[in-house]
N, C-alpha and C. Protein backbone atom coordinates (compact mmCIF):
# COMPACT_ATOMS: atom_id res chain seq x y z
N MET A 1 0.83 -1.18 0.00
CA MET A 1 0.00 0.00 0.00
C MET A 1 0.88 1.25 0.00
N LYS A 2 0.61 2.16 -0.89
CA LYS A 2 1.37 3.40 -1.00
C LYS A 2 0.91 4.38 0.08
N ILE A 3 1.87 4.93 0.83
CA ILE A 3 1.54 5.79 1.96
C ILE A 3 1.73 7.28 1.66
N TRP A 4 2.39 7.62 0.58
CA TRP A 4 2.79 9.00 0.31
C TRP A 4 1.61 9.84 -0.16
N GLN A 5 1.49 11.05 0.39
CA GLN A 5 0.43 11.98 0.01
C GLN A 5 0.85 12.91 -1.12
N MET A 6 2.13 12.93 -1.40
CA MET A 6 2.64 13.75 -2.49
C MET A 6 3.83 13.05 -3.13
N ASN A 7 4.25 13.58 -4.25
CA ASN A 7 5.35 12.99 -5.00
C ASN A 7 6.61 12.94 -4.13
N ILE A 8 7.21 11.78 -4.05
CA ILE A 8 8.45 11.61 -3.29
C ILE A 8 9.43 10.81 -4.15
N ASP A 9 10.63 11.34 -4.24
CA ASP A 9 11.71 10.61 -4.90
C ASP A 9 13.02 11.06 -4.27
N LEU A 10 14.09 10.39 -4.62
CA LEU A 10 15.38 10.65 -3.97
C LEU A 10 15.87 12.07 -4.21
N ALA A 11 15.62 12.63 -5.38
CA ALA A 11 16.07 14.00 -5.66
C ALA A 11 15.36 15.00 -4.74
N ILE A 12 14.07 14.80 -4.52
CA ILE A 12 13.29 15.72 -3.68
C ILE A 12 13.76 15.64 -2.23
N VAL A 13 13.90 14.43 -1.68
CA VAL A 13 14.30 14.32 -0.27
C VAL A 13 15.75 14.77 -0.06
N THR A 14 16.59 14.56 -1.05
CA THR A 14 17.98 15.03 -0.96
C THR A 14 18.02 16.54 -0.95
N GLU A 15 17.25 17.18 -1.79
CA GLU A 15 17.22 18.65 -1.85
C GLU A 15 16.73 19.24 -0.53
N ARG A 16 15.74 18.59 0.11
CA ARG A 16 15.20 19.09 1.38
C ARG A 16 16.25 19.06 2.49
N SER A 17 17.27 18.21 2.37
CA SER A 17 18.25 18.08 3.45
C SER A 17 19.48 18.97 3.26
N ARG A 18 19.53 19.70 2.19
CA ARG A 18 20.69 20.58 1.96
C ARG A 18 20.78 21.65 3.05
N GLY A 19 21.99 21.86 3.57
CA GLY A 19 22.22 22.88 4.57
C GLY A 19 21.72 22.51 5.96
N THR A 20 21.47 21.23 6.21
CA THR A 20 20.97 20.78 7.50
C THR A 20 21.98 19.88 8.20
N MET A 21 21.63 19.43 9.40
CA MET A 21 22.50 18.51 10.13
C MET A 21 22.74 17.24 9.33
N SER A 22 21.72 16.75 8.67
CA SER A 22 21.90 15.50 7.92
C SER A 22 22.95 15.66 6.82
N GLU A 23 22.98 16.80 6.16
CA GLU A 23 24.03 17.01 5.14
C GLU A 23 25.39 17.09 5.82
N HIS A 24 25.46 17.76 6.96
CA HIS A 24 26.73 17.89 7.69
C HIS A 24 27.29 16.52 8.09
N LEU A 25 26.41 15.59 8.47
CA LEU A 25 26.84 14.26 8.90
C LEU A 25 27.01 13.28 7.73
N GLY A 26 26.71 13.72 6.52
CA GLY A 26 26.89 12.86 5.35
C GLY A 26 25.75 11.88 5.13
N ILE A 27 24.57 12.17 5.68
CA ILE A 27 23.42 11.29 5.48
C ILE A 27 22.92 11.43 4.05
N GLU A 28 22.75 10.28 3.39
CA GLU A 28 22.28 10.24 2.01
C GLU A 28 21.04 9.36 1.93
N PHE A 29 20.02 9.84 1.23
CA PHE A 29 18.84 9.01 0.97
C PHE A 29 19.15 8.11 -0.20
N THR A 30 18.85 6.81 -0.05
CA THR A 30 19.27 5.84 -1.05
C THR A 30 18.13 5.09 -1.73
N ASP A 31 16.95 5.03 -1.10
CA ASP A 31 15.85 4.27 -1.70
C ASP A 31 14.53 4.73 -1.11
N VAL A 32 13.51 4.69 -1.94
CA VAL A 32 12.15 4.97 -1.50
C VAL A 32 11.23 3.95 -2.17
N GLY A 33 10.29 3.43 -1.42
CA GLY A 33 9.32 2.47 -1.95
C GLY A 33 7.92 2.92 -1.59
N ASP A 34 6.95 2.07 -1.82
CA ASP A 34 5.56 2.44 -1.55
C ASP A 34 5.30 2.73 -0.07
N ASP A 35 6.05 2.09 0.84
CA ASP A 35 5.80 2.28 2.27
C ASP A 35 7.08 2.36 3.10
N PHE A 36 8.18 2.80 2.49
CA PHE A 36 9.43 2.92 3.25
C PHE A 36 10.33 3.98 2.63
N LEU A 37 11.26 4.46 3.46
CA LEU A 37 12.31 5.37 3.01
C LEU A 37 13.60 4.90 3.66
N ILE A 38 14.69 4.92 2.90
CA ILE A 38 15.99 4.45 3.38
C ILE A 38 17.04 5.54 3.20
N ALA A 39 17.90 5.68 4.23
CA ALA A 39 19.04 6.59 4.15
C ALA A 39 20.23 5.91 4.81
N ARG A 40 21.43 6.34 4.42
CA ARG A 40 22.63 5.79 5.03
C ARG A 40 23.49 6.92 5.57
N MET A 41 24.34 6.55 6.52
CA MET A 41 25.21 7.53 7.17
C MET A 41 26.59 6.90 7.37
N PRO A 42 27.65 7.65 7.09
CA PRO A 42 28.99 7.11 7.33
C PRO A 42 29.32 7.10 8.82
N VAL A 43 30.07 6.10 9.22
CA VAL A 43 30.64 6.07 10.56
C VAL A 43 32.07 6.59 10.39
N ASP A 44 32.26 7.86 10.74
CA ASP A 44 33.56 8.50 10.55
C ASP A 44 33.77 9.54 11.66
N HIS A 45 34.72 10.43 11.49
CA HIS A 45 35.06 11.41 12.52
C HIS A 45 33.87 12.27 12.95
N ARG A 46 32.87 12.43 12.08
CA ARG A 46 31.71 13.26 12.42
C ARG A 46 30.70 12.52 13.30
N THR A 47 30.73 11.20 13.27
CA THR A 47 29.67 10.42 13.92
C THR A 47 30.18 9.49 15.02
N LYS A 48 31.50 9.59 15.33
CA LYS A 48 32.07 8.72 16.37
C LYS A 48 32.21 9.45 17.70
N GLN A 49 32.20 8.67 18.76
CA GLN A 49 32.51 9.17 20.10
C GLN A 49 34.00 8.94 20.37
N PRO A 50 34.54 9.49 21.47
CA PRO A 50 35.98 9.35 21.75
C PRO A 50 36.48 7.90 21.83
N ALA A 51 35.62 6.94 22.16
CA ALA A 51 36.04 5.54 22.25
C ALA A 51 36.24 4.91 20.87
N GLY A 52 35.95 5.67 19.80
CA GLY A 52 36.17 5.16 18.45
C GLY A 52 35.00 4.41 17.85
N ILE A 53 33.86 4.41 18.53
CA ILE A 53 32.66 3.76 17.98
C ILE A 53 31.62 4.83 17.67
N MET A 54 30.61 4.44 16.89
CA MET A 54 29.57 5.38 16.52
C MET A 54 28.86 5.91 17.76
N HIS A 55 28.70 7.20 17.82
CA HIS A 55 28.01 7.87 18.92
C HIS A 55 26.53 7.49 18.89
N GLY A 56 25.97 7.18 20.06
CA GLY A 56 24.56 6.82 20.13
C GLY A 56 23.65 7.92 19.62
N GLY A 57 24.04 9.16 19.83
CA GLY A 57 23.26 10.28 19.31
C GLY A 57 23.23 10.32 17.80
N ALA A 58 24.28 9.83 17.16
CA ALA A 58 24.31 9.79 15.70
C ALA A 58 23.26 8.81 15.19
N SER A 59 23.07 7.69 15.90
CA SER A 59 22.00 6.76 15.54
C SER A 59 20.65 7.45 15.60
N CYS A 60 20.45 8.23 16.66
CA CYS A 60 19.19 8.96 16.80
C CYS A 60 19.00 9.98 15.68
N VAL A 61 20.09 10.65 15.30
CA VAL A 61 19.99 11.62 14.20
C VAL A 61 19.59 10.92 12.91
N LEU A 62 20.21 9.79 12.60
CA LEU A 62 19.84 9.06 11.38
C LEU A 62 18.38 8.62 11.45
N ALA A 63 17.98 8.05 12.59
CA ALA A 63 16.59 7.59 12.74
C ALA A 63 15.60 8.73 12.59
N GLU A 64 15.87 9.85 13.27
CA GLU A 64 14.93 10.97 13.18
C GLU A 64 14.95 11.59 11.79
N THR A 65 16.08 11.63 11.15
CA THR A 65 16.16 12.19 9.81
C THR A 65 15.31 11.39 8.82
N VAL A 66 15.52 10.09 8.79
CA VAL A 66 14.78 9.28 7.81
C VAL A 66 13.31 9.18 8.19
N GLY A 67 13.00 9.07 9.49
CA GLY A 67 11.61 8.96 9.92
C GLY A 67 10.84 10.25 9.74
N SER A 68 11.42 11.37 10.13
CA SER A 68 10.70 12.64 10.02
C SER A 68 10.58 13.09 8.57
N THR A 69 11.57 12.78 7.76
CA THR A 69 11.45 13.09 6.33
C THR A 69 10.30 12.30 5.72
N ALA A 70 10.23 11.01 6.03
CA ALA A 70 9.13 10.19 5.53
C ALA A 70 7.79 10.73 6.01
N ALA A 71 7.72 11.14 7.29
CA ALA A 71 6.47 11.65 7.86
C ALA A 71 5.94 12.84 7.08
N GLN A 72 6.83 13.74 6.67
CA GLN A 72 6.40 14.95 5.95
C GLN A 72 5.67 14.60 4.66
N PHE A 73 6.09 13.53 4.01
CA PHE A 73 5.49 13.16 2.72
C PHE A 73 4.21 12.36 2.88
N CYS A 74 3.81 12.11 4.13
CA CYS A 74 2.56 11.40 4.40
C CYS A 74 1.43 12.35 4.76
N VAL A 75 1.70 13.64 4.67
CA VAL A 75 0.67 14.65 4.92
C VAL A 75 0.63 15.63 3.74
N ASP A 76 -0.44 16.38 3.66
CA ASP A 76 -0.56 17.45 2.67
C ASP A 76 0.28 18.62 3.18
N MET A 77 1.47 18.84 2.61
CA MET A 77 2.40 19.85 3.10
C MET A 77 1.90 21.27 2.91
N GLU A 78 0.84 21.45 2.14
CA GLU A 78 0.22 22.77 2.01
C GLU A 78 -0.53 23.13 3.30
N LYS A 79 -1.03 22.12 4.01
CA LYS A 79 -1.87 22.34 5.18
C LYS A 79 -1.23 21.91 6.49
N PHE A 80 -0.30 20.95 6.46
CA PHE A 80 0.24 20.36 7.68
C PHE A 80 1.77 20.29 7.64
N TYR A 81 2.35 20.13 8.83
CA TYR A 81 3.77 19.81 8.96
C TYR A 81 3.92 18.89 10.17
N CYS A 82 5.01 18.16 10.20
CA CYS A 82 5.24 17.16 11.25
C CYS A 82 6.47 17.54 12.07
N VAL A 83 6.36 17.34 13.38
CA VAL A 83 7.49 17.57 14.27
C VAL A 83 7.62 16.39 15.21
N GLY A 84 8.83 16.11 15.64
CA GLY A 84 9.08 14.99 16.52
C GLY A 84 8.55 15.23 17.93
N LEU A 85 7.90 14.21 18.49
CA LEU A 85 7.43 14.24 19.88
C LEU A 85 8.32 13.39 20.77
N ASP A 86 8.76 12.25 20.24
CA ASP A 86 9.51 11.31 21.07
C ASP A 86 10.32 10.40 20.16
N ILE A 87 11.52 10.06 20.63
CA ILE A 87 12.31 9.05 19.94
C ILE A 87 12.90 8.12 21.00
N ASN A 88 12.84 6.85 20.70
CA ASN A 88 13.38 5.82 21.59
C ASN A 88 14.33 4.97 20.77
N THR A 89 15.54 4.78 21.27
CA THR A 89 16.54 4.00 20.55
C THR A 89 17.13 2.94 21.46
N ASN A 90 17.17 1.72 20.96
CA ASN A 90 17.87 0.63 21.64
C ASN A 90 19.09 0.28 20.79
N HIS A 91 20.27 0.42 21.39
CA HIS A 91 21.53 0.12 20.69
C HIS A 91 21.82 -1.37 20.82
N ILE A 92 22.03 -2.03 19.70
CA ILE A 92 22.23 -3.47 19.66
C ILE A 92 23.69 -3.84 19.41
N ARG A 93 24.32 -3.15 18.48
CA ARG A 93 25.68 -3.49 18.05
C ARG A 93 26.46 -2.20 17.80
N SER A 94 27.73 -2.19 18.17
CA SER A 94 28.56 -1.00 17.92
C SER A 94 29.15 -1.04 16.52
N MET A 95 29.54 0.15 16.06
CA MET A 95 30.14 0.30 14.72
C MET A 95 31.40 1.14 14.85
N ARG A 96 32.45 0.71 14.14
CA ARG A 96 33.71 1.46 14.14
C ARG A 96 33.98 2.14 12.81
N GLU A 97 33.42 1.59 11.73
CA GLU A 97 33.66 2.16 10.38
C GLU A 97 32.60 1.66 9.43
N GLY A 98 32.59 2.23 8.24
CA GLY A 98 31.63 1.82 7.22
C GLY A 98 30.41 2.72 7.23
N TYR A 99 29.30 2.14 6.81
CA TYR A 99 28.02 2.86 6.75
C TYR A 99 26.99 2.13 7.58
N VAL A 100 26.05 2.91 8.12
CA VAL A 100 24.85 2.35 8.72
C VAL A 100 23.67 2.78 7.85
N ILE A 101 22.69 1.91 7.73
CA ILE A 101 21.56 2.12 6.84
C ILE A 101 20.28 2.10 7.65
N GLY A 102 19.51 3.19 7.58
CA GLY A 102 18.26 3.31 8.32
C GLY A 102 17.06 3.16 7.39
N THR A 103 16.14 2.27 7.76
CA THR A 103 14.91 2.06 6.99
C THR A 103 13.72 2.44 7.86
N ALA A 104 12.94 3.41 7.39
CA ALA A 104 11.76 3.88 8.12
C ALA A 104 10.50 3.31 7.49
N LYS A 105 9.64 2.73 8.35
CA LYS A 105 8.32 2.23 7.95
C LYS A 105 7.32 2.65 9.02
N PRO A 106 6.11 3.02 8.62
CA PRO A 106 5.15 3.48 9.61
C PRO A 106 4.47 2.33 10.35
N PHE A 107 4.23 2.56 11.64
CA PHE A 107 3.35 1.70 12.43
C PHE A 107 1.94 2.27 12.42
N HIS A 108 1.88 3.62 12.42
CA HIS A 108 0.59 4.31 12.52
C HIS A 108 0.69 5.65 11.81
N LEU A 109 -0.27 5.93 10.94
CA LEU A 109 -0.36 7.22 10.26
C LEU A 109 -1.72 7.83 10.57
N GLY A 110 -1.82 8.56 11.67
CA GLY A 110 -3.07 9.15 12.10
C GLY A 110 -3.19 10.60 11.70
N LYS A 111 -4.33 11.20 12.06
CA LYS A 111 -4.58 12.61 11.74
C LYS A 111 -3.74 13.55 12.59
N SER A 112 -3.44 13.16 13.84
CA SER A 112 -2.70 14.06 14.72
C SER A 112 -1.33 13.51 15.13
N THR A 113 -1.11 12.21 14.97
CA THR A 113 0.19 11.62 15.28
C THR A 113 0.55 10.55 14.25
N GLN A 114 1.83 10.31 14.15
CA GLN A 114 2.37 9.21 13.36
C GLN A 114 3.40 8.50 14.24
N VAL A 115 3.48 7.18 14.09
CA VAL A 115 4.50 6.41 14.80
C VAL A 115 5.28 5.61 13.76
N TRP A 116 6.58 5.77 13.79
CA TRP A 116 7.47 5.15 12.81
C TRP A 116 8.44 4.20 13.50
N GLY A 117 8.75 3.10 12.82
CA GLY A 117 9.81 2.20 13.23
C GLY A 117 10.97 2.37 12.28
N ILE A 118 12.15 2.54 12.83
CA ILE A 118 13.35 2.69 12.01
C ILE A 118 14.37 1.67 12.48
N GLU A 119 14.71 0.75 11.59
CA GLU A 119 15.79 -0.21 11.87
C GLU A 119 17.07 0.32 11.24
N ILE A 120 18.12 0.33 12.02
CA ILE A 120 19.43 0.71 11.50
C ILE A 120 20.30 -0.54 11.48
N LYS A 121 20.85 -0.81 10.30
CA LYS A 121 21.68 -2.01 10.11
C LYS A 121 23.03 -1.60 9.55
N ASN A 122 24.01 -2.52 9.68
CA ASN A 122 25.30 -2.28 9.05
C ASN A 122 25.25 -2.76 7.60
N GLU A 123 26.35 -2.65 6.91
CA GLU A 123 26.37 -3.01 5.48
C GLU A 123 26.19 -4.50 5.25
N GLU A 124 26.40 -5.31 6.28
CA GLU A 124 26.19 -6.75 6.17
C GLU A 124 24.75 -7.14 6.53
N GLY A 125 23.93 -6.15 6.86
CA GLY A 125 22.53 -6.42 7.21
C GLY A 125 22.31 -6.79 8.67
N LYS A 126 23.34 -6.63 9.50
CA LYS A 126 23.19 -6.93 10.93
C LYS A 126 22.62 -5.72 11.66
N LEU A 127 21.70 -5.98 12.57
CA LEU A 127 21.01 -4.92 13.30
C LEU A 127 21.96 -4.15 14.21
N VAL A 128 21.95 -2.83 14.08
CA VAL A 128 22.76 -1.93 14.91
C VAL A 128 21.88 -1.28 15.98
N SER A 129 20.68 -0.84 15.59
CA SER A 129 19.75 -0.27 16.57
C SER A 129 18.32 -0.36 16.07
N VAL A 130 17.39 -0.35 17.01
CA VAL A 130 15.97 -0.26 16.68
C VAL A 130 15.46 1.04 17.29
N ASN A 131 14.60 1.73 16.55
CA ASN A 131 14.16 3.05 16.94
C ASN A 131 12.67 3.20 16.72
N ARG A 132 12.03 3.91 17.64
CA ARG A 132 10.61 4.25 17.46
C ARG A 132 10.51 5.77 17.55
N LEU A 133 9.91 6.37 16.53
CA LEU A 133 9.80 7.83 16.43
C LEU A 133 8.32 8.18 16.37
N THR A 134 7.90 9.06 17.31
CA THR A 134 6.52 9.55 17.30
C THR A 134 6.54 11.00 16.81
N MET A 135 5.69 11.26 15.83
CA MET A 135 5.61 12.60 15.23
C MET A 135 4.24 13.20 15.51
N ALA A 136 4.21 14.50 15.75
CA ALA A 136 2.96 15.24 15.84
C ALA A 136 2.67 15.82 14.46
N VAL A 137 1.42 15.74 14.05
CA VAL A 137 0.98 16.33 12.79
C VAL A 137 0.26 17.64 13.16
N LEU A 138 0.82 18.76 12.73
CA LEU A 138 0.29 20.08 13.09
C LEU A 138 -0.23 20.82 11.87
N ARG A 139 -1.28 21.61 12.09
CA ARG A 139 -1.84 22.43 11.01
C ARG A 139 -0.99 23.70 10.89
N LYS A 140 -0.71 24.10 9.64
CA LYS A 140 0.05 25.33 9.39
C LYS A 140 -0.76 26.55 9.77
């Protein structure tokens, strides 16, 4: 089932992230389907903590970036906008290098709230973190 309320493609979501934190961290949108959006982020000097592993906050940034971007395209952007209410992240596996890939899929797309699940995996497909993002849908 297609969830998007307006045209969504990689060029559009990439353009929306220019000049933002996601661009600064090297987050790139890589795939969009009928009910999902995927982005990847490098594990490098911008996203690591002093111990040399990916910072937990960087996982949250990737999850919120891909989830909130997807949320925006599930509403009529002429009338509504979405903002984050809550994010919960469980860290499963640490990362020292490479890329992490976040896939956002909705659990609930309501009139006033949306709930998204974002799985972050490494390049081998192993789970790095699971995330739940709740968005408020507000009238402009």
